[in-house]
């Protein structure tokens, strides 16, 4: 009886729940193109740091004196 009463109550309220359904407007083509271009410029954008030469195999990291973390230990073992 309790379940049947609950189902009746829910079915009566389900009709009113349609008022709370959200509608998402479809994106306009110009909005979609602008968003796509924005993502592309962020992904393929030029940055001043990209043009600087990179010396492969060099690292300016040095271990901290007295630190026993794994990173500093690896730097010490590498002879830095």
PDB file of N, CA and C in Angstrom:
ATOM      1  N   UNK A   1       0.823  -1.191   0.000  1.00  0.00           N
ATOM      2  CA  UNK A   1       0.000   0.000   0.000  1.00  0.00           C
ATOM      3  C   UNK A   1       0.868   1.256   0.000  1.00  0.00           C
ATOM      4  N   UNK A   2       1.967   1.187   0.749  1.00  0.00           N
ATOM      5  CA  UNK A   2       2.842   2.343   0.847  1.00  0.00           C
ATOM      6  C   UNK A   2       3.482   2.658  -0.508  1.00  0.00           C
ATOM      7  N   UNK A   3       3.885   1.610  -1.229  1.00  0.00           N
ATOM      8  CA  UNK A   3       4.516   1.799  -2.533  1.00  0.00           C
ATOM      9  C   UNK A   3       3.502   2.342  -3.532  1.00  0.00           C
ATOM     10  N   UNK A   4       2.288   1.824  -3.494  1.00  0.00           N
ATOM     11  CA  UNK A   4       1.258   2.286  -4.422  1.00  0.00           C
ATOM     12  C   UNK A   4       0.912   3.748  -4.166  1.00  0.00           C
ATOM     13  N   UNK A   5       0.885   4.138  -2.920  1.00  0.00           N
ATOM     14  CA  UNK A   5       0.592   5.522  -2.578  1.00  0.00           C
ATOM     15  C   UNK A   5       1.729   6.435  -3.035  1.00  0.00           C
ATOM     16  N   UNK A   6       2.944   5.965  -2.876  1.00  0.00           N
ATOM     17  CA  UNK A   6       4.095   6.745  -3.324  1.00  0.00           C
ATOM     18  C   UNK A   6       4.085   6.911  -4.836  1.00  0.00           C
ATOM     19  N   UNK A   7       3.756   5.834  -5.560  1.00  0.00           N
ATOM     20  CA  UNK A   7       3.696   5.915  -7.017  1.00  0.00           C
ATOM     21  C   UNK A   7       2.588   6.852  -7.479  1.00  0.00           C
ATOM     22  N   UNK A   8       1.460   6.834  -6.801  1.00  0.00           N
ATOM     23  CA  UNK A   8       0.367   7.741  -7.135  1.00  0.00           C
ATOM     24  C   UNK A   8       0.794   9.188  -6.913  1.00  0.00           C
ATOM     25  N   UNK A   9       1.435   9.437  -5.798  1.00  0.00           N
ATOM     26  CA  UNK A   9       1.903  10.786  -5.482  1.00  0.00           C
ATOM     27  C   UNK A   9       2.921  11.274  -6.520  1.00  0.00           C
ATOM     28  N   UNK A  10       3.852  10.401  -6.888  1.00  0.00           N
ATOM     29  CA  UNK A  10       4.860  10.774  -7.881  1.00  0.00           C
ATOM     30  C   UNK A  10       4.247  11.007  -9.254  1.00  0.00           C
ATOM     31  N   UNK A  11       3.277  10.200  -9.631  1.00  0.00           N
ATOM     32  CA  UNK A  11       2.649  10.376 -10.946  1.00  0.00           C
ATOM     33  C   UNK A  11       1.860  11.678 -11.006  1.00  0.00           C
ATOM     34  N   UNK A  12       1.280  12.103  -9.892  1.00  0.00           N
ATOM     35  CA  UNK A  12       0.564  13.378  -9.874  1.00  0.00           C
ATOM     36  C   UNK A  12       1.525  14.556  -9.983  1.00  0.00           C
ATOM     37  N   UNK A  13       2.673  14.433  -9.376  1.00  0.00           N
ATOM     38  CA  UNK A  13       3.644  15.525  -9.422  1.00  0.00           C
ATOM     39  C   UNK A  13       4.479  15.525 -10.700  1.00  0.00           C
ATOM     40  N   UNK A  14       4.521  14.412 -11.415  1.00  0.00           N
ATOM     41  CA  UNK A  14       5.347  14.325 -12.620  1.00  0.00           C
ATOM     42  C   UNK A  14       4.852  15.275 -13.702  1.00  0.00           C
ATOM     43  N   UNK A  15       3.565  15.527 -13.751  1.00  0.00           N
ATOM     44  CA  UNK A  15       3.032  16.455 -14.744  1.00  0.00           C
ATOM     45  C   UNK A  15       3.514  17.869 -14.514  1.00  0.00           C
ATOM     46  N   UNK A  16       3.694  18.252 -13.272  1.00  0.00           N
ATOM     47  CA  UNK A  16       4.166  19.596 -12.950  1.00  0.00           C
ATOM     48  C   UNK A  16       5.675  19.731 -13.132  1.00  0.00           C
ATOM     49  N   UNK A  17       6.367  18.621 -13.187  1.00  0.00           N
ATOM     50  CA  UNK A  17       7.822  18.673 -13.324  1.00  0.00           C
ATOM     51  C   UNK A  17       8.249  19.146 -14.702  1.00  0.00           C
ATOM     52  N   UNK A  18       7.372  19.080 -15.690  1.00  0.00           N
ATOM     53  CA  UNK A  18       7.718  19.522 -17.041  1.00  0.00           C
ATOM     54  C   UNK A  18       8.042  21.015 -17.066  1.00  0.00           C
ATOM     55  N   UNK A  19       7.520  21.770 -16.131  1.00  0.00           N
ATOM     56  CA  UNK A  19       7.797  23.202 -16.091  1.00  0.00           C
ATOM     57  C   UNK A  19       9.239  23.490 -15.707  1.00  0.00           C
ATOM     58  N   UNK A  20       9.913  22.535 -15.094  1.00  0.00           N
ATOM     59  CA  UNK A  20      11.272  22.757 -14.637  1.00  0.00           C
ATOM     60  C   UNK A  20      12.323  22.171 -15.572  1.00  0.00           C
ATOM     61  N   UNK A  21      11.911  21.676 -16.730  1.00  0.00           N
ATOM     62  CA  UNK A  21      12.879  21.118 -17.669  1.00  0.00           C
ATOM     63  C   UNK A  21      13.620  22.253 -18.359  1.00  0.00           C
ATOM     64  N   UNK A  22      14.915  22.093 -18.460  1.00  0.00           N
ATOM     65  CA  UNK A  22      15.715  23.138 -19.094  1.00  0.00           C
ATOM     66  C   UNK A  22      15.762  22.916 -20.594  1.00  0.00           C
ATOM     67  N   UNK A  23      15.862  23.993 -21.295  1.00  0.00           N
ATOM     68  CA  UNK A  23      16.029  23.917 -22.746  1.00  0.00           C
ATOM     69  C   UNK A  23      17.319  24.634 -23.085  1.00  0.00           C
ATOM     70  N   UNK A  24      18.168  23.954 -23.810  1.00  0.00           N
ATOM     71  CA  UNK A  24      19.446  24.523 -24.210  1.00  0.00           C
ATOM     72  C   UNK A  24      19.312  24.982 -25.651  1.00  0.00           C
ATOM     73  N   UNK A  25      19.541  26.262 -25.908  1.00  0.00           N
ATOM     74  CA  UNK A  25      19.404  26.731 -27.284  1.00  0.00           C
ATOM     75  C   UNK A  25      20.510  26.153 -28.163  1.00  0.00           C
ATOM     76  N   UNK A  26      20.153  25.849 -29.380  1.00  0.00           N
ATOM     77  CA  UNK A  26      21.137  25.311 -30.326  1.00  0.00           C
ATOM     78  C   UNK A  26      22.137  26.408 -30.675  1.00  0.00           C
ATOM     79  N   UNK A  27      23.422  26.074 -30.770  1.00  0.00           N
ATOM     80  CA  UNK A  27      24.410  27.106 -31.090  1.00  0.00           C
ATOM     81  C   UNK A  27      24.234  27.600 -32.520  1.00  0.00           C
ATOM     82  N   UNK A  28      24.398  28.886 -32.679  1.00  0.00           N
ATOM     83  CA  UNK A  28      24.326  29.464 -34.013  1.00  0.00           C
ATOM     84  C   UNK A  28      25.626  29.164 -34.740  1.00  0.00           C
ATOM     85  N   UNK A  29      25.599  29.059 -36.066  1.00  0.00           N
ATOM     86  CA  UNK A  29      26.823  28.727 -36.814  1.00  0.00           C
ATOM     87  C   UNK A  29      27.962  29.715 -36.577  1.00  0.00           C
ATOM     88  N   UNK A  30      27.646  30.992 -36.452  1.00  0.00           N
ATOM     89  CA  UNK A  30      28.720  31.970 -36.230  1.00  0.00           C
ATOM     90  C   UNK A  30      29.335  31.808 -34.843  1.00  0.00           C
ATOM     91  N   UNK A  31      28.523  31.419 -33.867  1.00  0.00           N
ATOM     92  CA  UNK A  31      29.066  31.156 -32.532  1.00  0.00           C
ATOM     93  C   UNK A  31      29.962  29.930 -32.551  1.00  0.00           C
ATOM     94  N   UNK A  32      29.540  28.913 -33.279  1.00  0.00           N
ATOM     95  CA  UNK A  32      30.337  27.687 -33.353  1.00  0.00           C
ATOM     96  C   UNK A  32      31.669  27.953 -34.038  1.00  0.00           C
ATOM     97  N   UNK A  33      31.654  28.744 -35.119  1.00  0.00           N
ATOM     98  CA  UNK A  33      32.903  29.065 -35.815  1.00  0.00           C
ATOM     99  C   UNK A  33      33.829  29.902 -34.937  1.00  0.00           C
ATOM    100  N   UNK A  34      33.263  30.854 -34.209  1.00  0.00           N
ATOM    101  CA  UNK A  34      34.082  31.697 -33.337  1.00  0.00           C
ATOM    102  C   UNK A  34      34.704  30.868 -32.218  1.00  0.00           C
ATOM    103  N   UNK A  35      33.947  29.945 -31.650  1.00  0.00           N
ATOM    104  CA  UNK A  35      34.495  29.088 -30.597  1.00  0.00           C
ATOM    105  C   UNK A  35      35.581  28.181 -31.147  1.00  0.00           C
ATOM    106  N   UNK A  36      35.372  27.661 -32.355  1.00  0.00           N
ATOM    107  CA  UNK A  36      36.372  26.794 -32.976  1.00  0.00           C
ATOM    108  C   UNK A  36      37.664  27.556 -33.258  1.00  0.00           C
ATOM    109  N   UNK A  37      37.550  28.779 -33.769  1.00  0.00           N
ATOM    110  CA  UNK A  37      38.744  29.583 -34.041  1.00  0.00           C
ATOM    111  C   UNK A  37      39.461  29.955 -32.754  1.00  0.00           C
ATOM    112  N   UNK A  38      38.710  30.214 -31.703  1.00  0.00           N
ATOM    113  CA  UNK A  38      39.323  30.542 -30.423  1.00  0.00           C
ATOM    114  C   UNK A  38      40.130  29.364 -29.891  1.00  0.00           C
ATOM    115  N   UNK A  39      39.579  28.163 -29.998  1.00  0.00           N
ATOM    116  CA  UNK A  39      40.297  26.970 -29.533  1.00  0.00           C
ATOM    117  C   UNK A  39      41.541  26.738 -30.375  1.00  0.00           C
ATOM    118  N   UNK A  40      41.425  26.927 -31.696  1.00  0.00           N
ATOM    119  CA  UNK A  40      42.578  26.719 -32.570  1.00  0.00           C
ATOM    120  C   UNK A  40      43.690  27.719 -32.286  1.00  0.00           C
ATOM    121  N   UNK A  41      43.340  28.981 -32.042  1.00  0.00           N
ATOM    122  CA  UNK A  41      44.385  29.967 -31.759  1.00  0.00           C
ATOM    123  C   UNK A  41      45.054  29.691 -30.419  1.00  0.00           C
ATOM    124  N   UNK A  42      44.290  29.174 -29.458  1.00  0.00           N
ATOM    125  CA  UNK A  42      44.909  28.820 -28.181  1.00  0.00           C
ATOM    126  C   UNK A  42      45.823  27.611 -28.330  1.00  0.00           C
ATOM    127  N   UNK A  43      45.436  26.665 -29.184  1.00  0.00           N
ATOM    128  CA  UNK A  43      46.211  25.439 -29.343  1.00  0.00           C
ATOM    129  C   UNK A  43      47.428  25.657 -30.229  1.00  0.00           C
ATOM    130  N   UNK A  44      47.245  26.354 -31.344  1.00  0.00           N
ATOM    131  CA  UNK A  44      48.326  26.552 -32.300  1.00  0.00           C
ATOM    132  C   UNK A  44      48.964  27.932 -32.189  1.00  0.00           C
ATOM    133  N   UNK A  45      48.650  28.662 -31.141  1.00  0.00           N
ATOM    134  CA  UNK A  45      49.135  30.028 -31.010  1.00  0.00           C
ATOM    135  C   UNK A  45      50.650  30.096 -30.866  1.00  0.00           C
ATOM    136  N   UNK A  46      51.214  31.211 -31.308  1.00  0.00           N
ATOM    137  CA  UNK A  46      52.658  31.424 -31.216  1.00  0.00           C
ATOM    138  C   UNK A  46      52.974  32.069 -29.880  1.00  0.00           C
ATOM    139  N   UNK A  47      54.016  31.620 -29.257  1.00  0.00           N
ATOM    140  CA  UNK A  47      54.473  32.180 -27.996  1.00  0.00           C
ATOM    141  C   UNK A  47      55.942  32.520 -28.143  1.00  0.00           C
ATOM    142  N   UNK A  48      56.382  33.588 -27.511  1.00  0.00           N
ATOM    143  CA  UNK A  48      57.769  34.028 -27.649  1.00  0.00           C
ATOM    144  C   UNK A  48      58.750  32.969 -27.153  1.00  0.00           C
ATOM    145  N   UNK A  49      58.350  32.174 -26.182  1.00  0.00           N
ATOM    146  CA  UNK A  49      59.249  31.143 -25.664  1.00  0.00           C
ATOM    147  C   UNK A  49      59.489  30.029 -26.678  1.00  0.00           C
ATOM    148  N   UNK A  50      58.576  29.884 -27.651  1.00  0.00           N
ATOM    149  CA  UNK A  50      58.730  28.833 -28.649  1.00  0.00           C
ATOM    150  C   UNK A  50      59.929  29.074 -29.550  1.00  0.00           C
ATOM    151  N   UNK A  51      60.311  30.336 -29.744  1.00  0.00           N
ATOM    152  CA  UNK A  51      61.366  30.669 -30.690  1.00  0.00           C
ATOM    153  C   UNK A  51      62.763  30.573 -30.074  1.00  0.00           C
ATOM    154  N   UNK A  52      62.876  30.411 -28.789  1.00  0.00           N
ATOM    155  CA  UNK A  52      64.186  30.373 -28.153  1.00  0.00           C
ATOM    156  C   UNK A  52      64.819  29.003 -28.319  1.00  0.00           C
ATOM    157  N   UNK A  53      66.141  28.981 -28.512  1.00  0.00           N
ATOM    158  CA  UNK A  53      66.805  27.683 -28.677  1.00  0.00           C
ATOM    159  C   UNK A  53      66.782  26.886 -27.374  1.00  0.00           C
ATOM    160  N   UNK A  54      66.670  25.598 -27.517  1.00  0.00           N
ATOM    161  CA  UNK A  54      66.625  24.709 -26.362  1.00  0.00           C
ATOM    162  C   UNK A  54      67.824  23.790 -26.435  1.00  0.00           C
ATOM    163  N   UNK A  55      68.603  23.755 -25.377  1.00  0.00           N
ATOM    164  CA  UNK A  55      69.740  22.848 -25.307  1.00  0.00           C
ATOM    165  C   UNK A  55      69.262  21.535 -24.710  1.00  0.00           C
ATOM    166  N   UNK A  56      69.160  20.537 -25.562  1.00  0.00           N
ATOM    167  CA  UNK A  56      68.665  19.244 -25.108  1.00  0.00           C
ATOM    168  C   UNK A  56      69.717  18.580 -24.232  1.00  0.00           C
ATOM    169  N   UNK A  57      69.285  18.037 -23.123  1.00  0.00           N
ATOM    170  CA  UNK A  57      70.187  17.346 -22.215  1.00  0.00           C
ATOM    171  C   UNK A  57      70.749  18.237 -21.133  1.00  0.00           C
ATOM    172  N   UNK A  58      70.419  19.510 -21.141  1.00  0.00           N
ATOM    173  CA  UNK A  58      70.917  20.400 -20.096  1.00  0.00           C
ATOM    174  C   UNK A  58      69.775  20.747 -19.147  1.00  0.00           C
ATOM    175  N   UNK A  59      70.129  20.867 -17.893  1.00  0.00           N
ATOM    176  CA  UNK A  59      69.140  21.176 -16.874  1.00  0.00           C
ATOM    177  C   UNK A  59      69.822  22.023 -15.813  1.00  0.00           C
ATOM    178  N   UNK A  60      69.166  23.094 -15.416  1.00  0.00           N
ATOM    179  CA  UNK A  60      69.755  23.986 -14.427  1.00  0.00           C
ATOM    180  C   UNK A  60      69.342  23.617 -13.004  1.00  0.00           C
ATOM    181  N   UNK A  61      68.686  22.492 -12.836  1.00  0.00           N
ATOM    182  CA  UNK A  61      68.223  22.094 -11.509  1.00  0.00           C
ATOM    183  C   UNK A  61      69.387  21.578 -10.679  1.00  0.00           C
ATOM    184  N   UNK A  62      69.425  21.991  -9.434  1.00  0.00           N
ATOM    185  CA  UNK A  62      70.448  21.524  -8.496  1.00  0.00           C
ATOM    186  C   UNK A  62      69.744  21.027  -7.240  1.00  0.00           C
ATOM    187  N   UNK A  63      70.303  20.023  -6.574  1.00  0.00           N
ATOM    188  CA  UNK A  63      69.655  19.529  -5.353  1.00  0.00           C
ATOM    189  C   UNK A  63      69.766  20.538  -4.219  1.00  0.00           C
ATOM    190  N   UNK A  64      68.773  20.556  -3.366  1.00  0.00           N
ATOM    191  CA  UNK A  64      68.774  21.432  -2.203  1.00  0.00           C
ATOM    192  C   UNK A  64      69.583  20.752  -1.109  1.00  0.00           C
ATOM    193  N   UNK A  65      70.491  21.506  -0.511  1.00  0.00           N
ATOM    194  CA  UNK A  65      71.342  20.943   0.536  1.00  0.00           C
ATOM    195  C   UNK A  65      70.491  20.479   1.716  1.00  0.00           C
ATOM    196  N   UNK A  66      70.684  19.232   2.122  1.00  0.00           N
ATOM    197  CA  UNK A  66      69.971  18.680   3.262  1.00  0.00           C
ATOM    198  C   UNK A  66      68.629  18.067   2.921  1.00  0.00           C
ATOM    199  N   UNK A  67      68.180  18.216   1.696  1.00  0.00           N
ATOM    200  CA  UNK A  67      66.889  17.645   1.300  1.00  0.00           C
ATOM    201  C   UNK A  67      67.090  16.191   0.898  1.00  0.00           C
ATOM    202  N   UNK A  68      66.210  15.337   1.351  1.00  0.00           N
ATOM    203  CA  UNK A  68      66.319  13.912   1.055  1.00  0.00           C
ATOM    204  C   UNK A  68      65.162  13.420   0.183  1.00  0.00           C
ATOM    205  N   UNK A  69      64.508  14.330  -0.541  1.00  0.00           N
ATOM    206  CA  UNK A  69      63.404  13.894  -1.399  1.00  0.00           C
ATOM    207  C   UNK A  69      63.960  13.122  -2.593  1.00  0.00           C
ATOM    208  N   UNK A  70      63.093  12.414  -3.274  1.00  0.00           N
ATOM    209  CA  UNK A  70      63.515  11.566  -4.391  1.00  0.00           C
ATOM    210  C   UNK A  70      64.118  12.384  -5.522  1.00  0.00           C
ATOM    211  N   UNK A  71      63.586  13.569  -5.775  1.00  0.00           N
ATOM    212  CA  UNK A  71      64.090  14.399  -6.864  1.00  0.00           C
ATOM    213  C   UNK A  71      65.516  14.863  -6.572  1.00  0.00           C
ATOM    214  N   UNK A  72      65.762  15.375  -5.374  1.00  0.00           N
ATOM    215  CA  UNK A  72      67.109  15.827  -5.013  1.00  0.00           C
ATOM    216  C   UNK A  72      68.089  14.653  -4.967  1.00  0.00           C
ATOM    217  N   UNK A  73      67.627  13.496  -4.526  1.00  0.00           N
ATOM    218  CA  UNK A  73      68.483  12.308  -4.497  1.00  0.00           C
ATOM    219  C   UNK A  73      68.896  11.913  -5.904  1.00  0.00           C
ATOM    220  N   UNK A  74      67.977  11.961  -6.852  1.00  0.00           N
ATOM    221  CA  UNK A  74      68.312  11.646  -8.241  1.00  0.00           C
ATOM    222  C   UNK A  74      69.293  12.654  -8.814  1.00  0.00           C
ATOM    223  N   UNK A  75      69.119  13.928  -8.466  1.00  0.00           N
ATOM    224  CA  UNK A  75      70.058  14.939  -8.954  1.00  0.00           C
ATOM    225  C   UNK A  75      71.453  14.705  -8.384  1.00  0.00           C
ATOM    226  N   UNK A  76      71.536  14.322  -7.112  1.00  0.00           N
ATOM    227  CA  UNK A  76      72.847  14.039  -6.513  1.00  0.00           C
ATOM    228  C   UNK A  76      73.497  12.830  -7.179  1.00  0.00           C
ATOM    229  N   UNK A  77      72.707  11.803  -7.462  1.00  0.00           N
ATOM    230  CA  UNK A  77      73.251  10.608  -8.092  1.00  0.00           C
ATOM    231  C   UNK A  77      73.686  10.881  -9.527  1.00  0.00           C
ATOM    232  N   UNK A  78      73.079  11.860 -10.173  1.00  0.00           N
ATOM    233  CA  UNK A  78      73.456  12.203 -11.542  1.00  0.00           C
ATOM    234  C   UNK A  78      74.700  13.078 -11.570  1.00  0.00           C
ATOM    235  N   UNK A  79      75.172  13.505 -10.403  1.00  0.00           N
ATOM    236  CA  UNK A  79      76.389  14.303 -10.336  1.00  0.00           C
ATOM    237  C   UNK A  79      76.158  15.789 -10.461  1.00  0.00           C
ATOM    238  N   UNK A  80      75.017  16.250 -10.099  1.00  0.00           N
ATOM    239  CA  UNK A  80      74.733  17.691 -10.187  1.00  0.00           C
ATOM    240  C   UNK A  80      75.070  18.358  -8.892  1.00  0.00           C
TER     241      UNK A  80
END
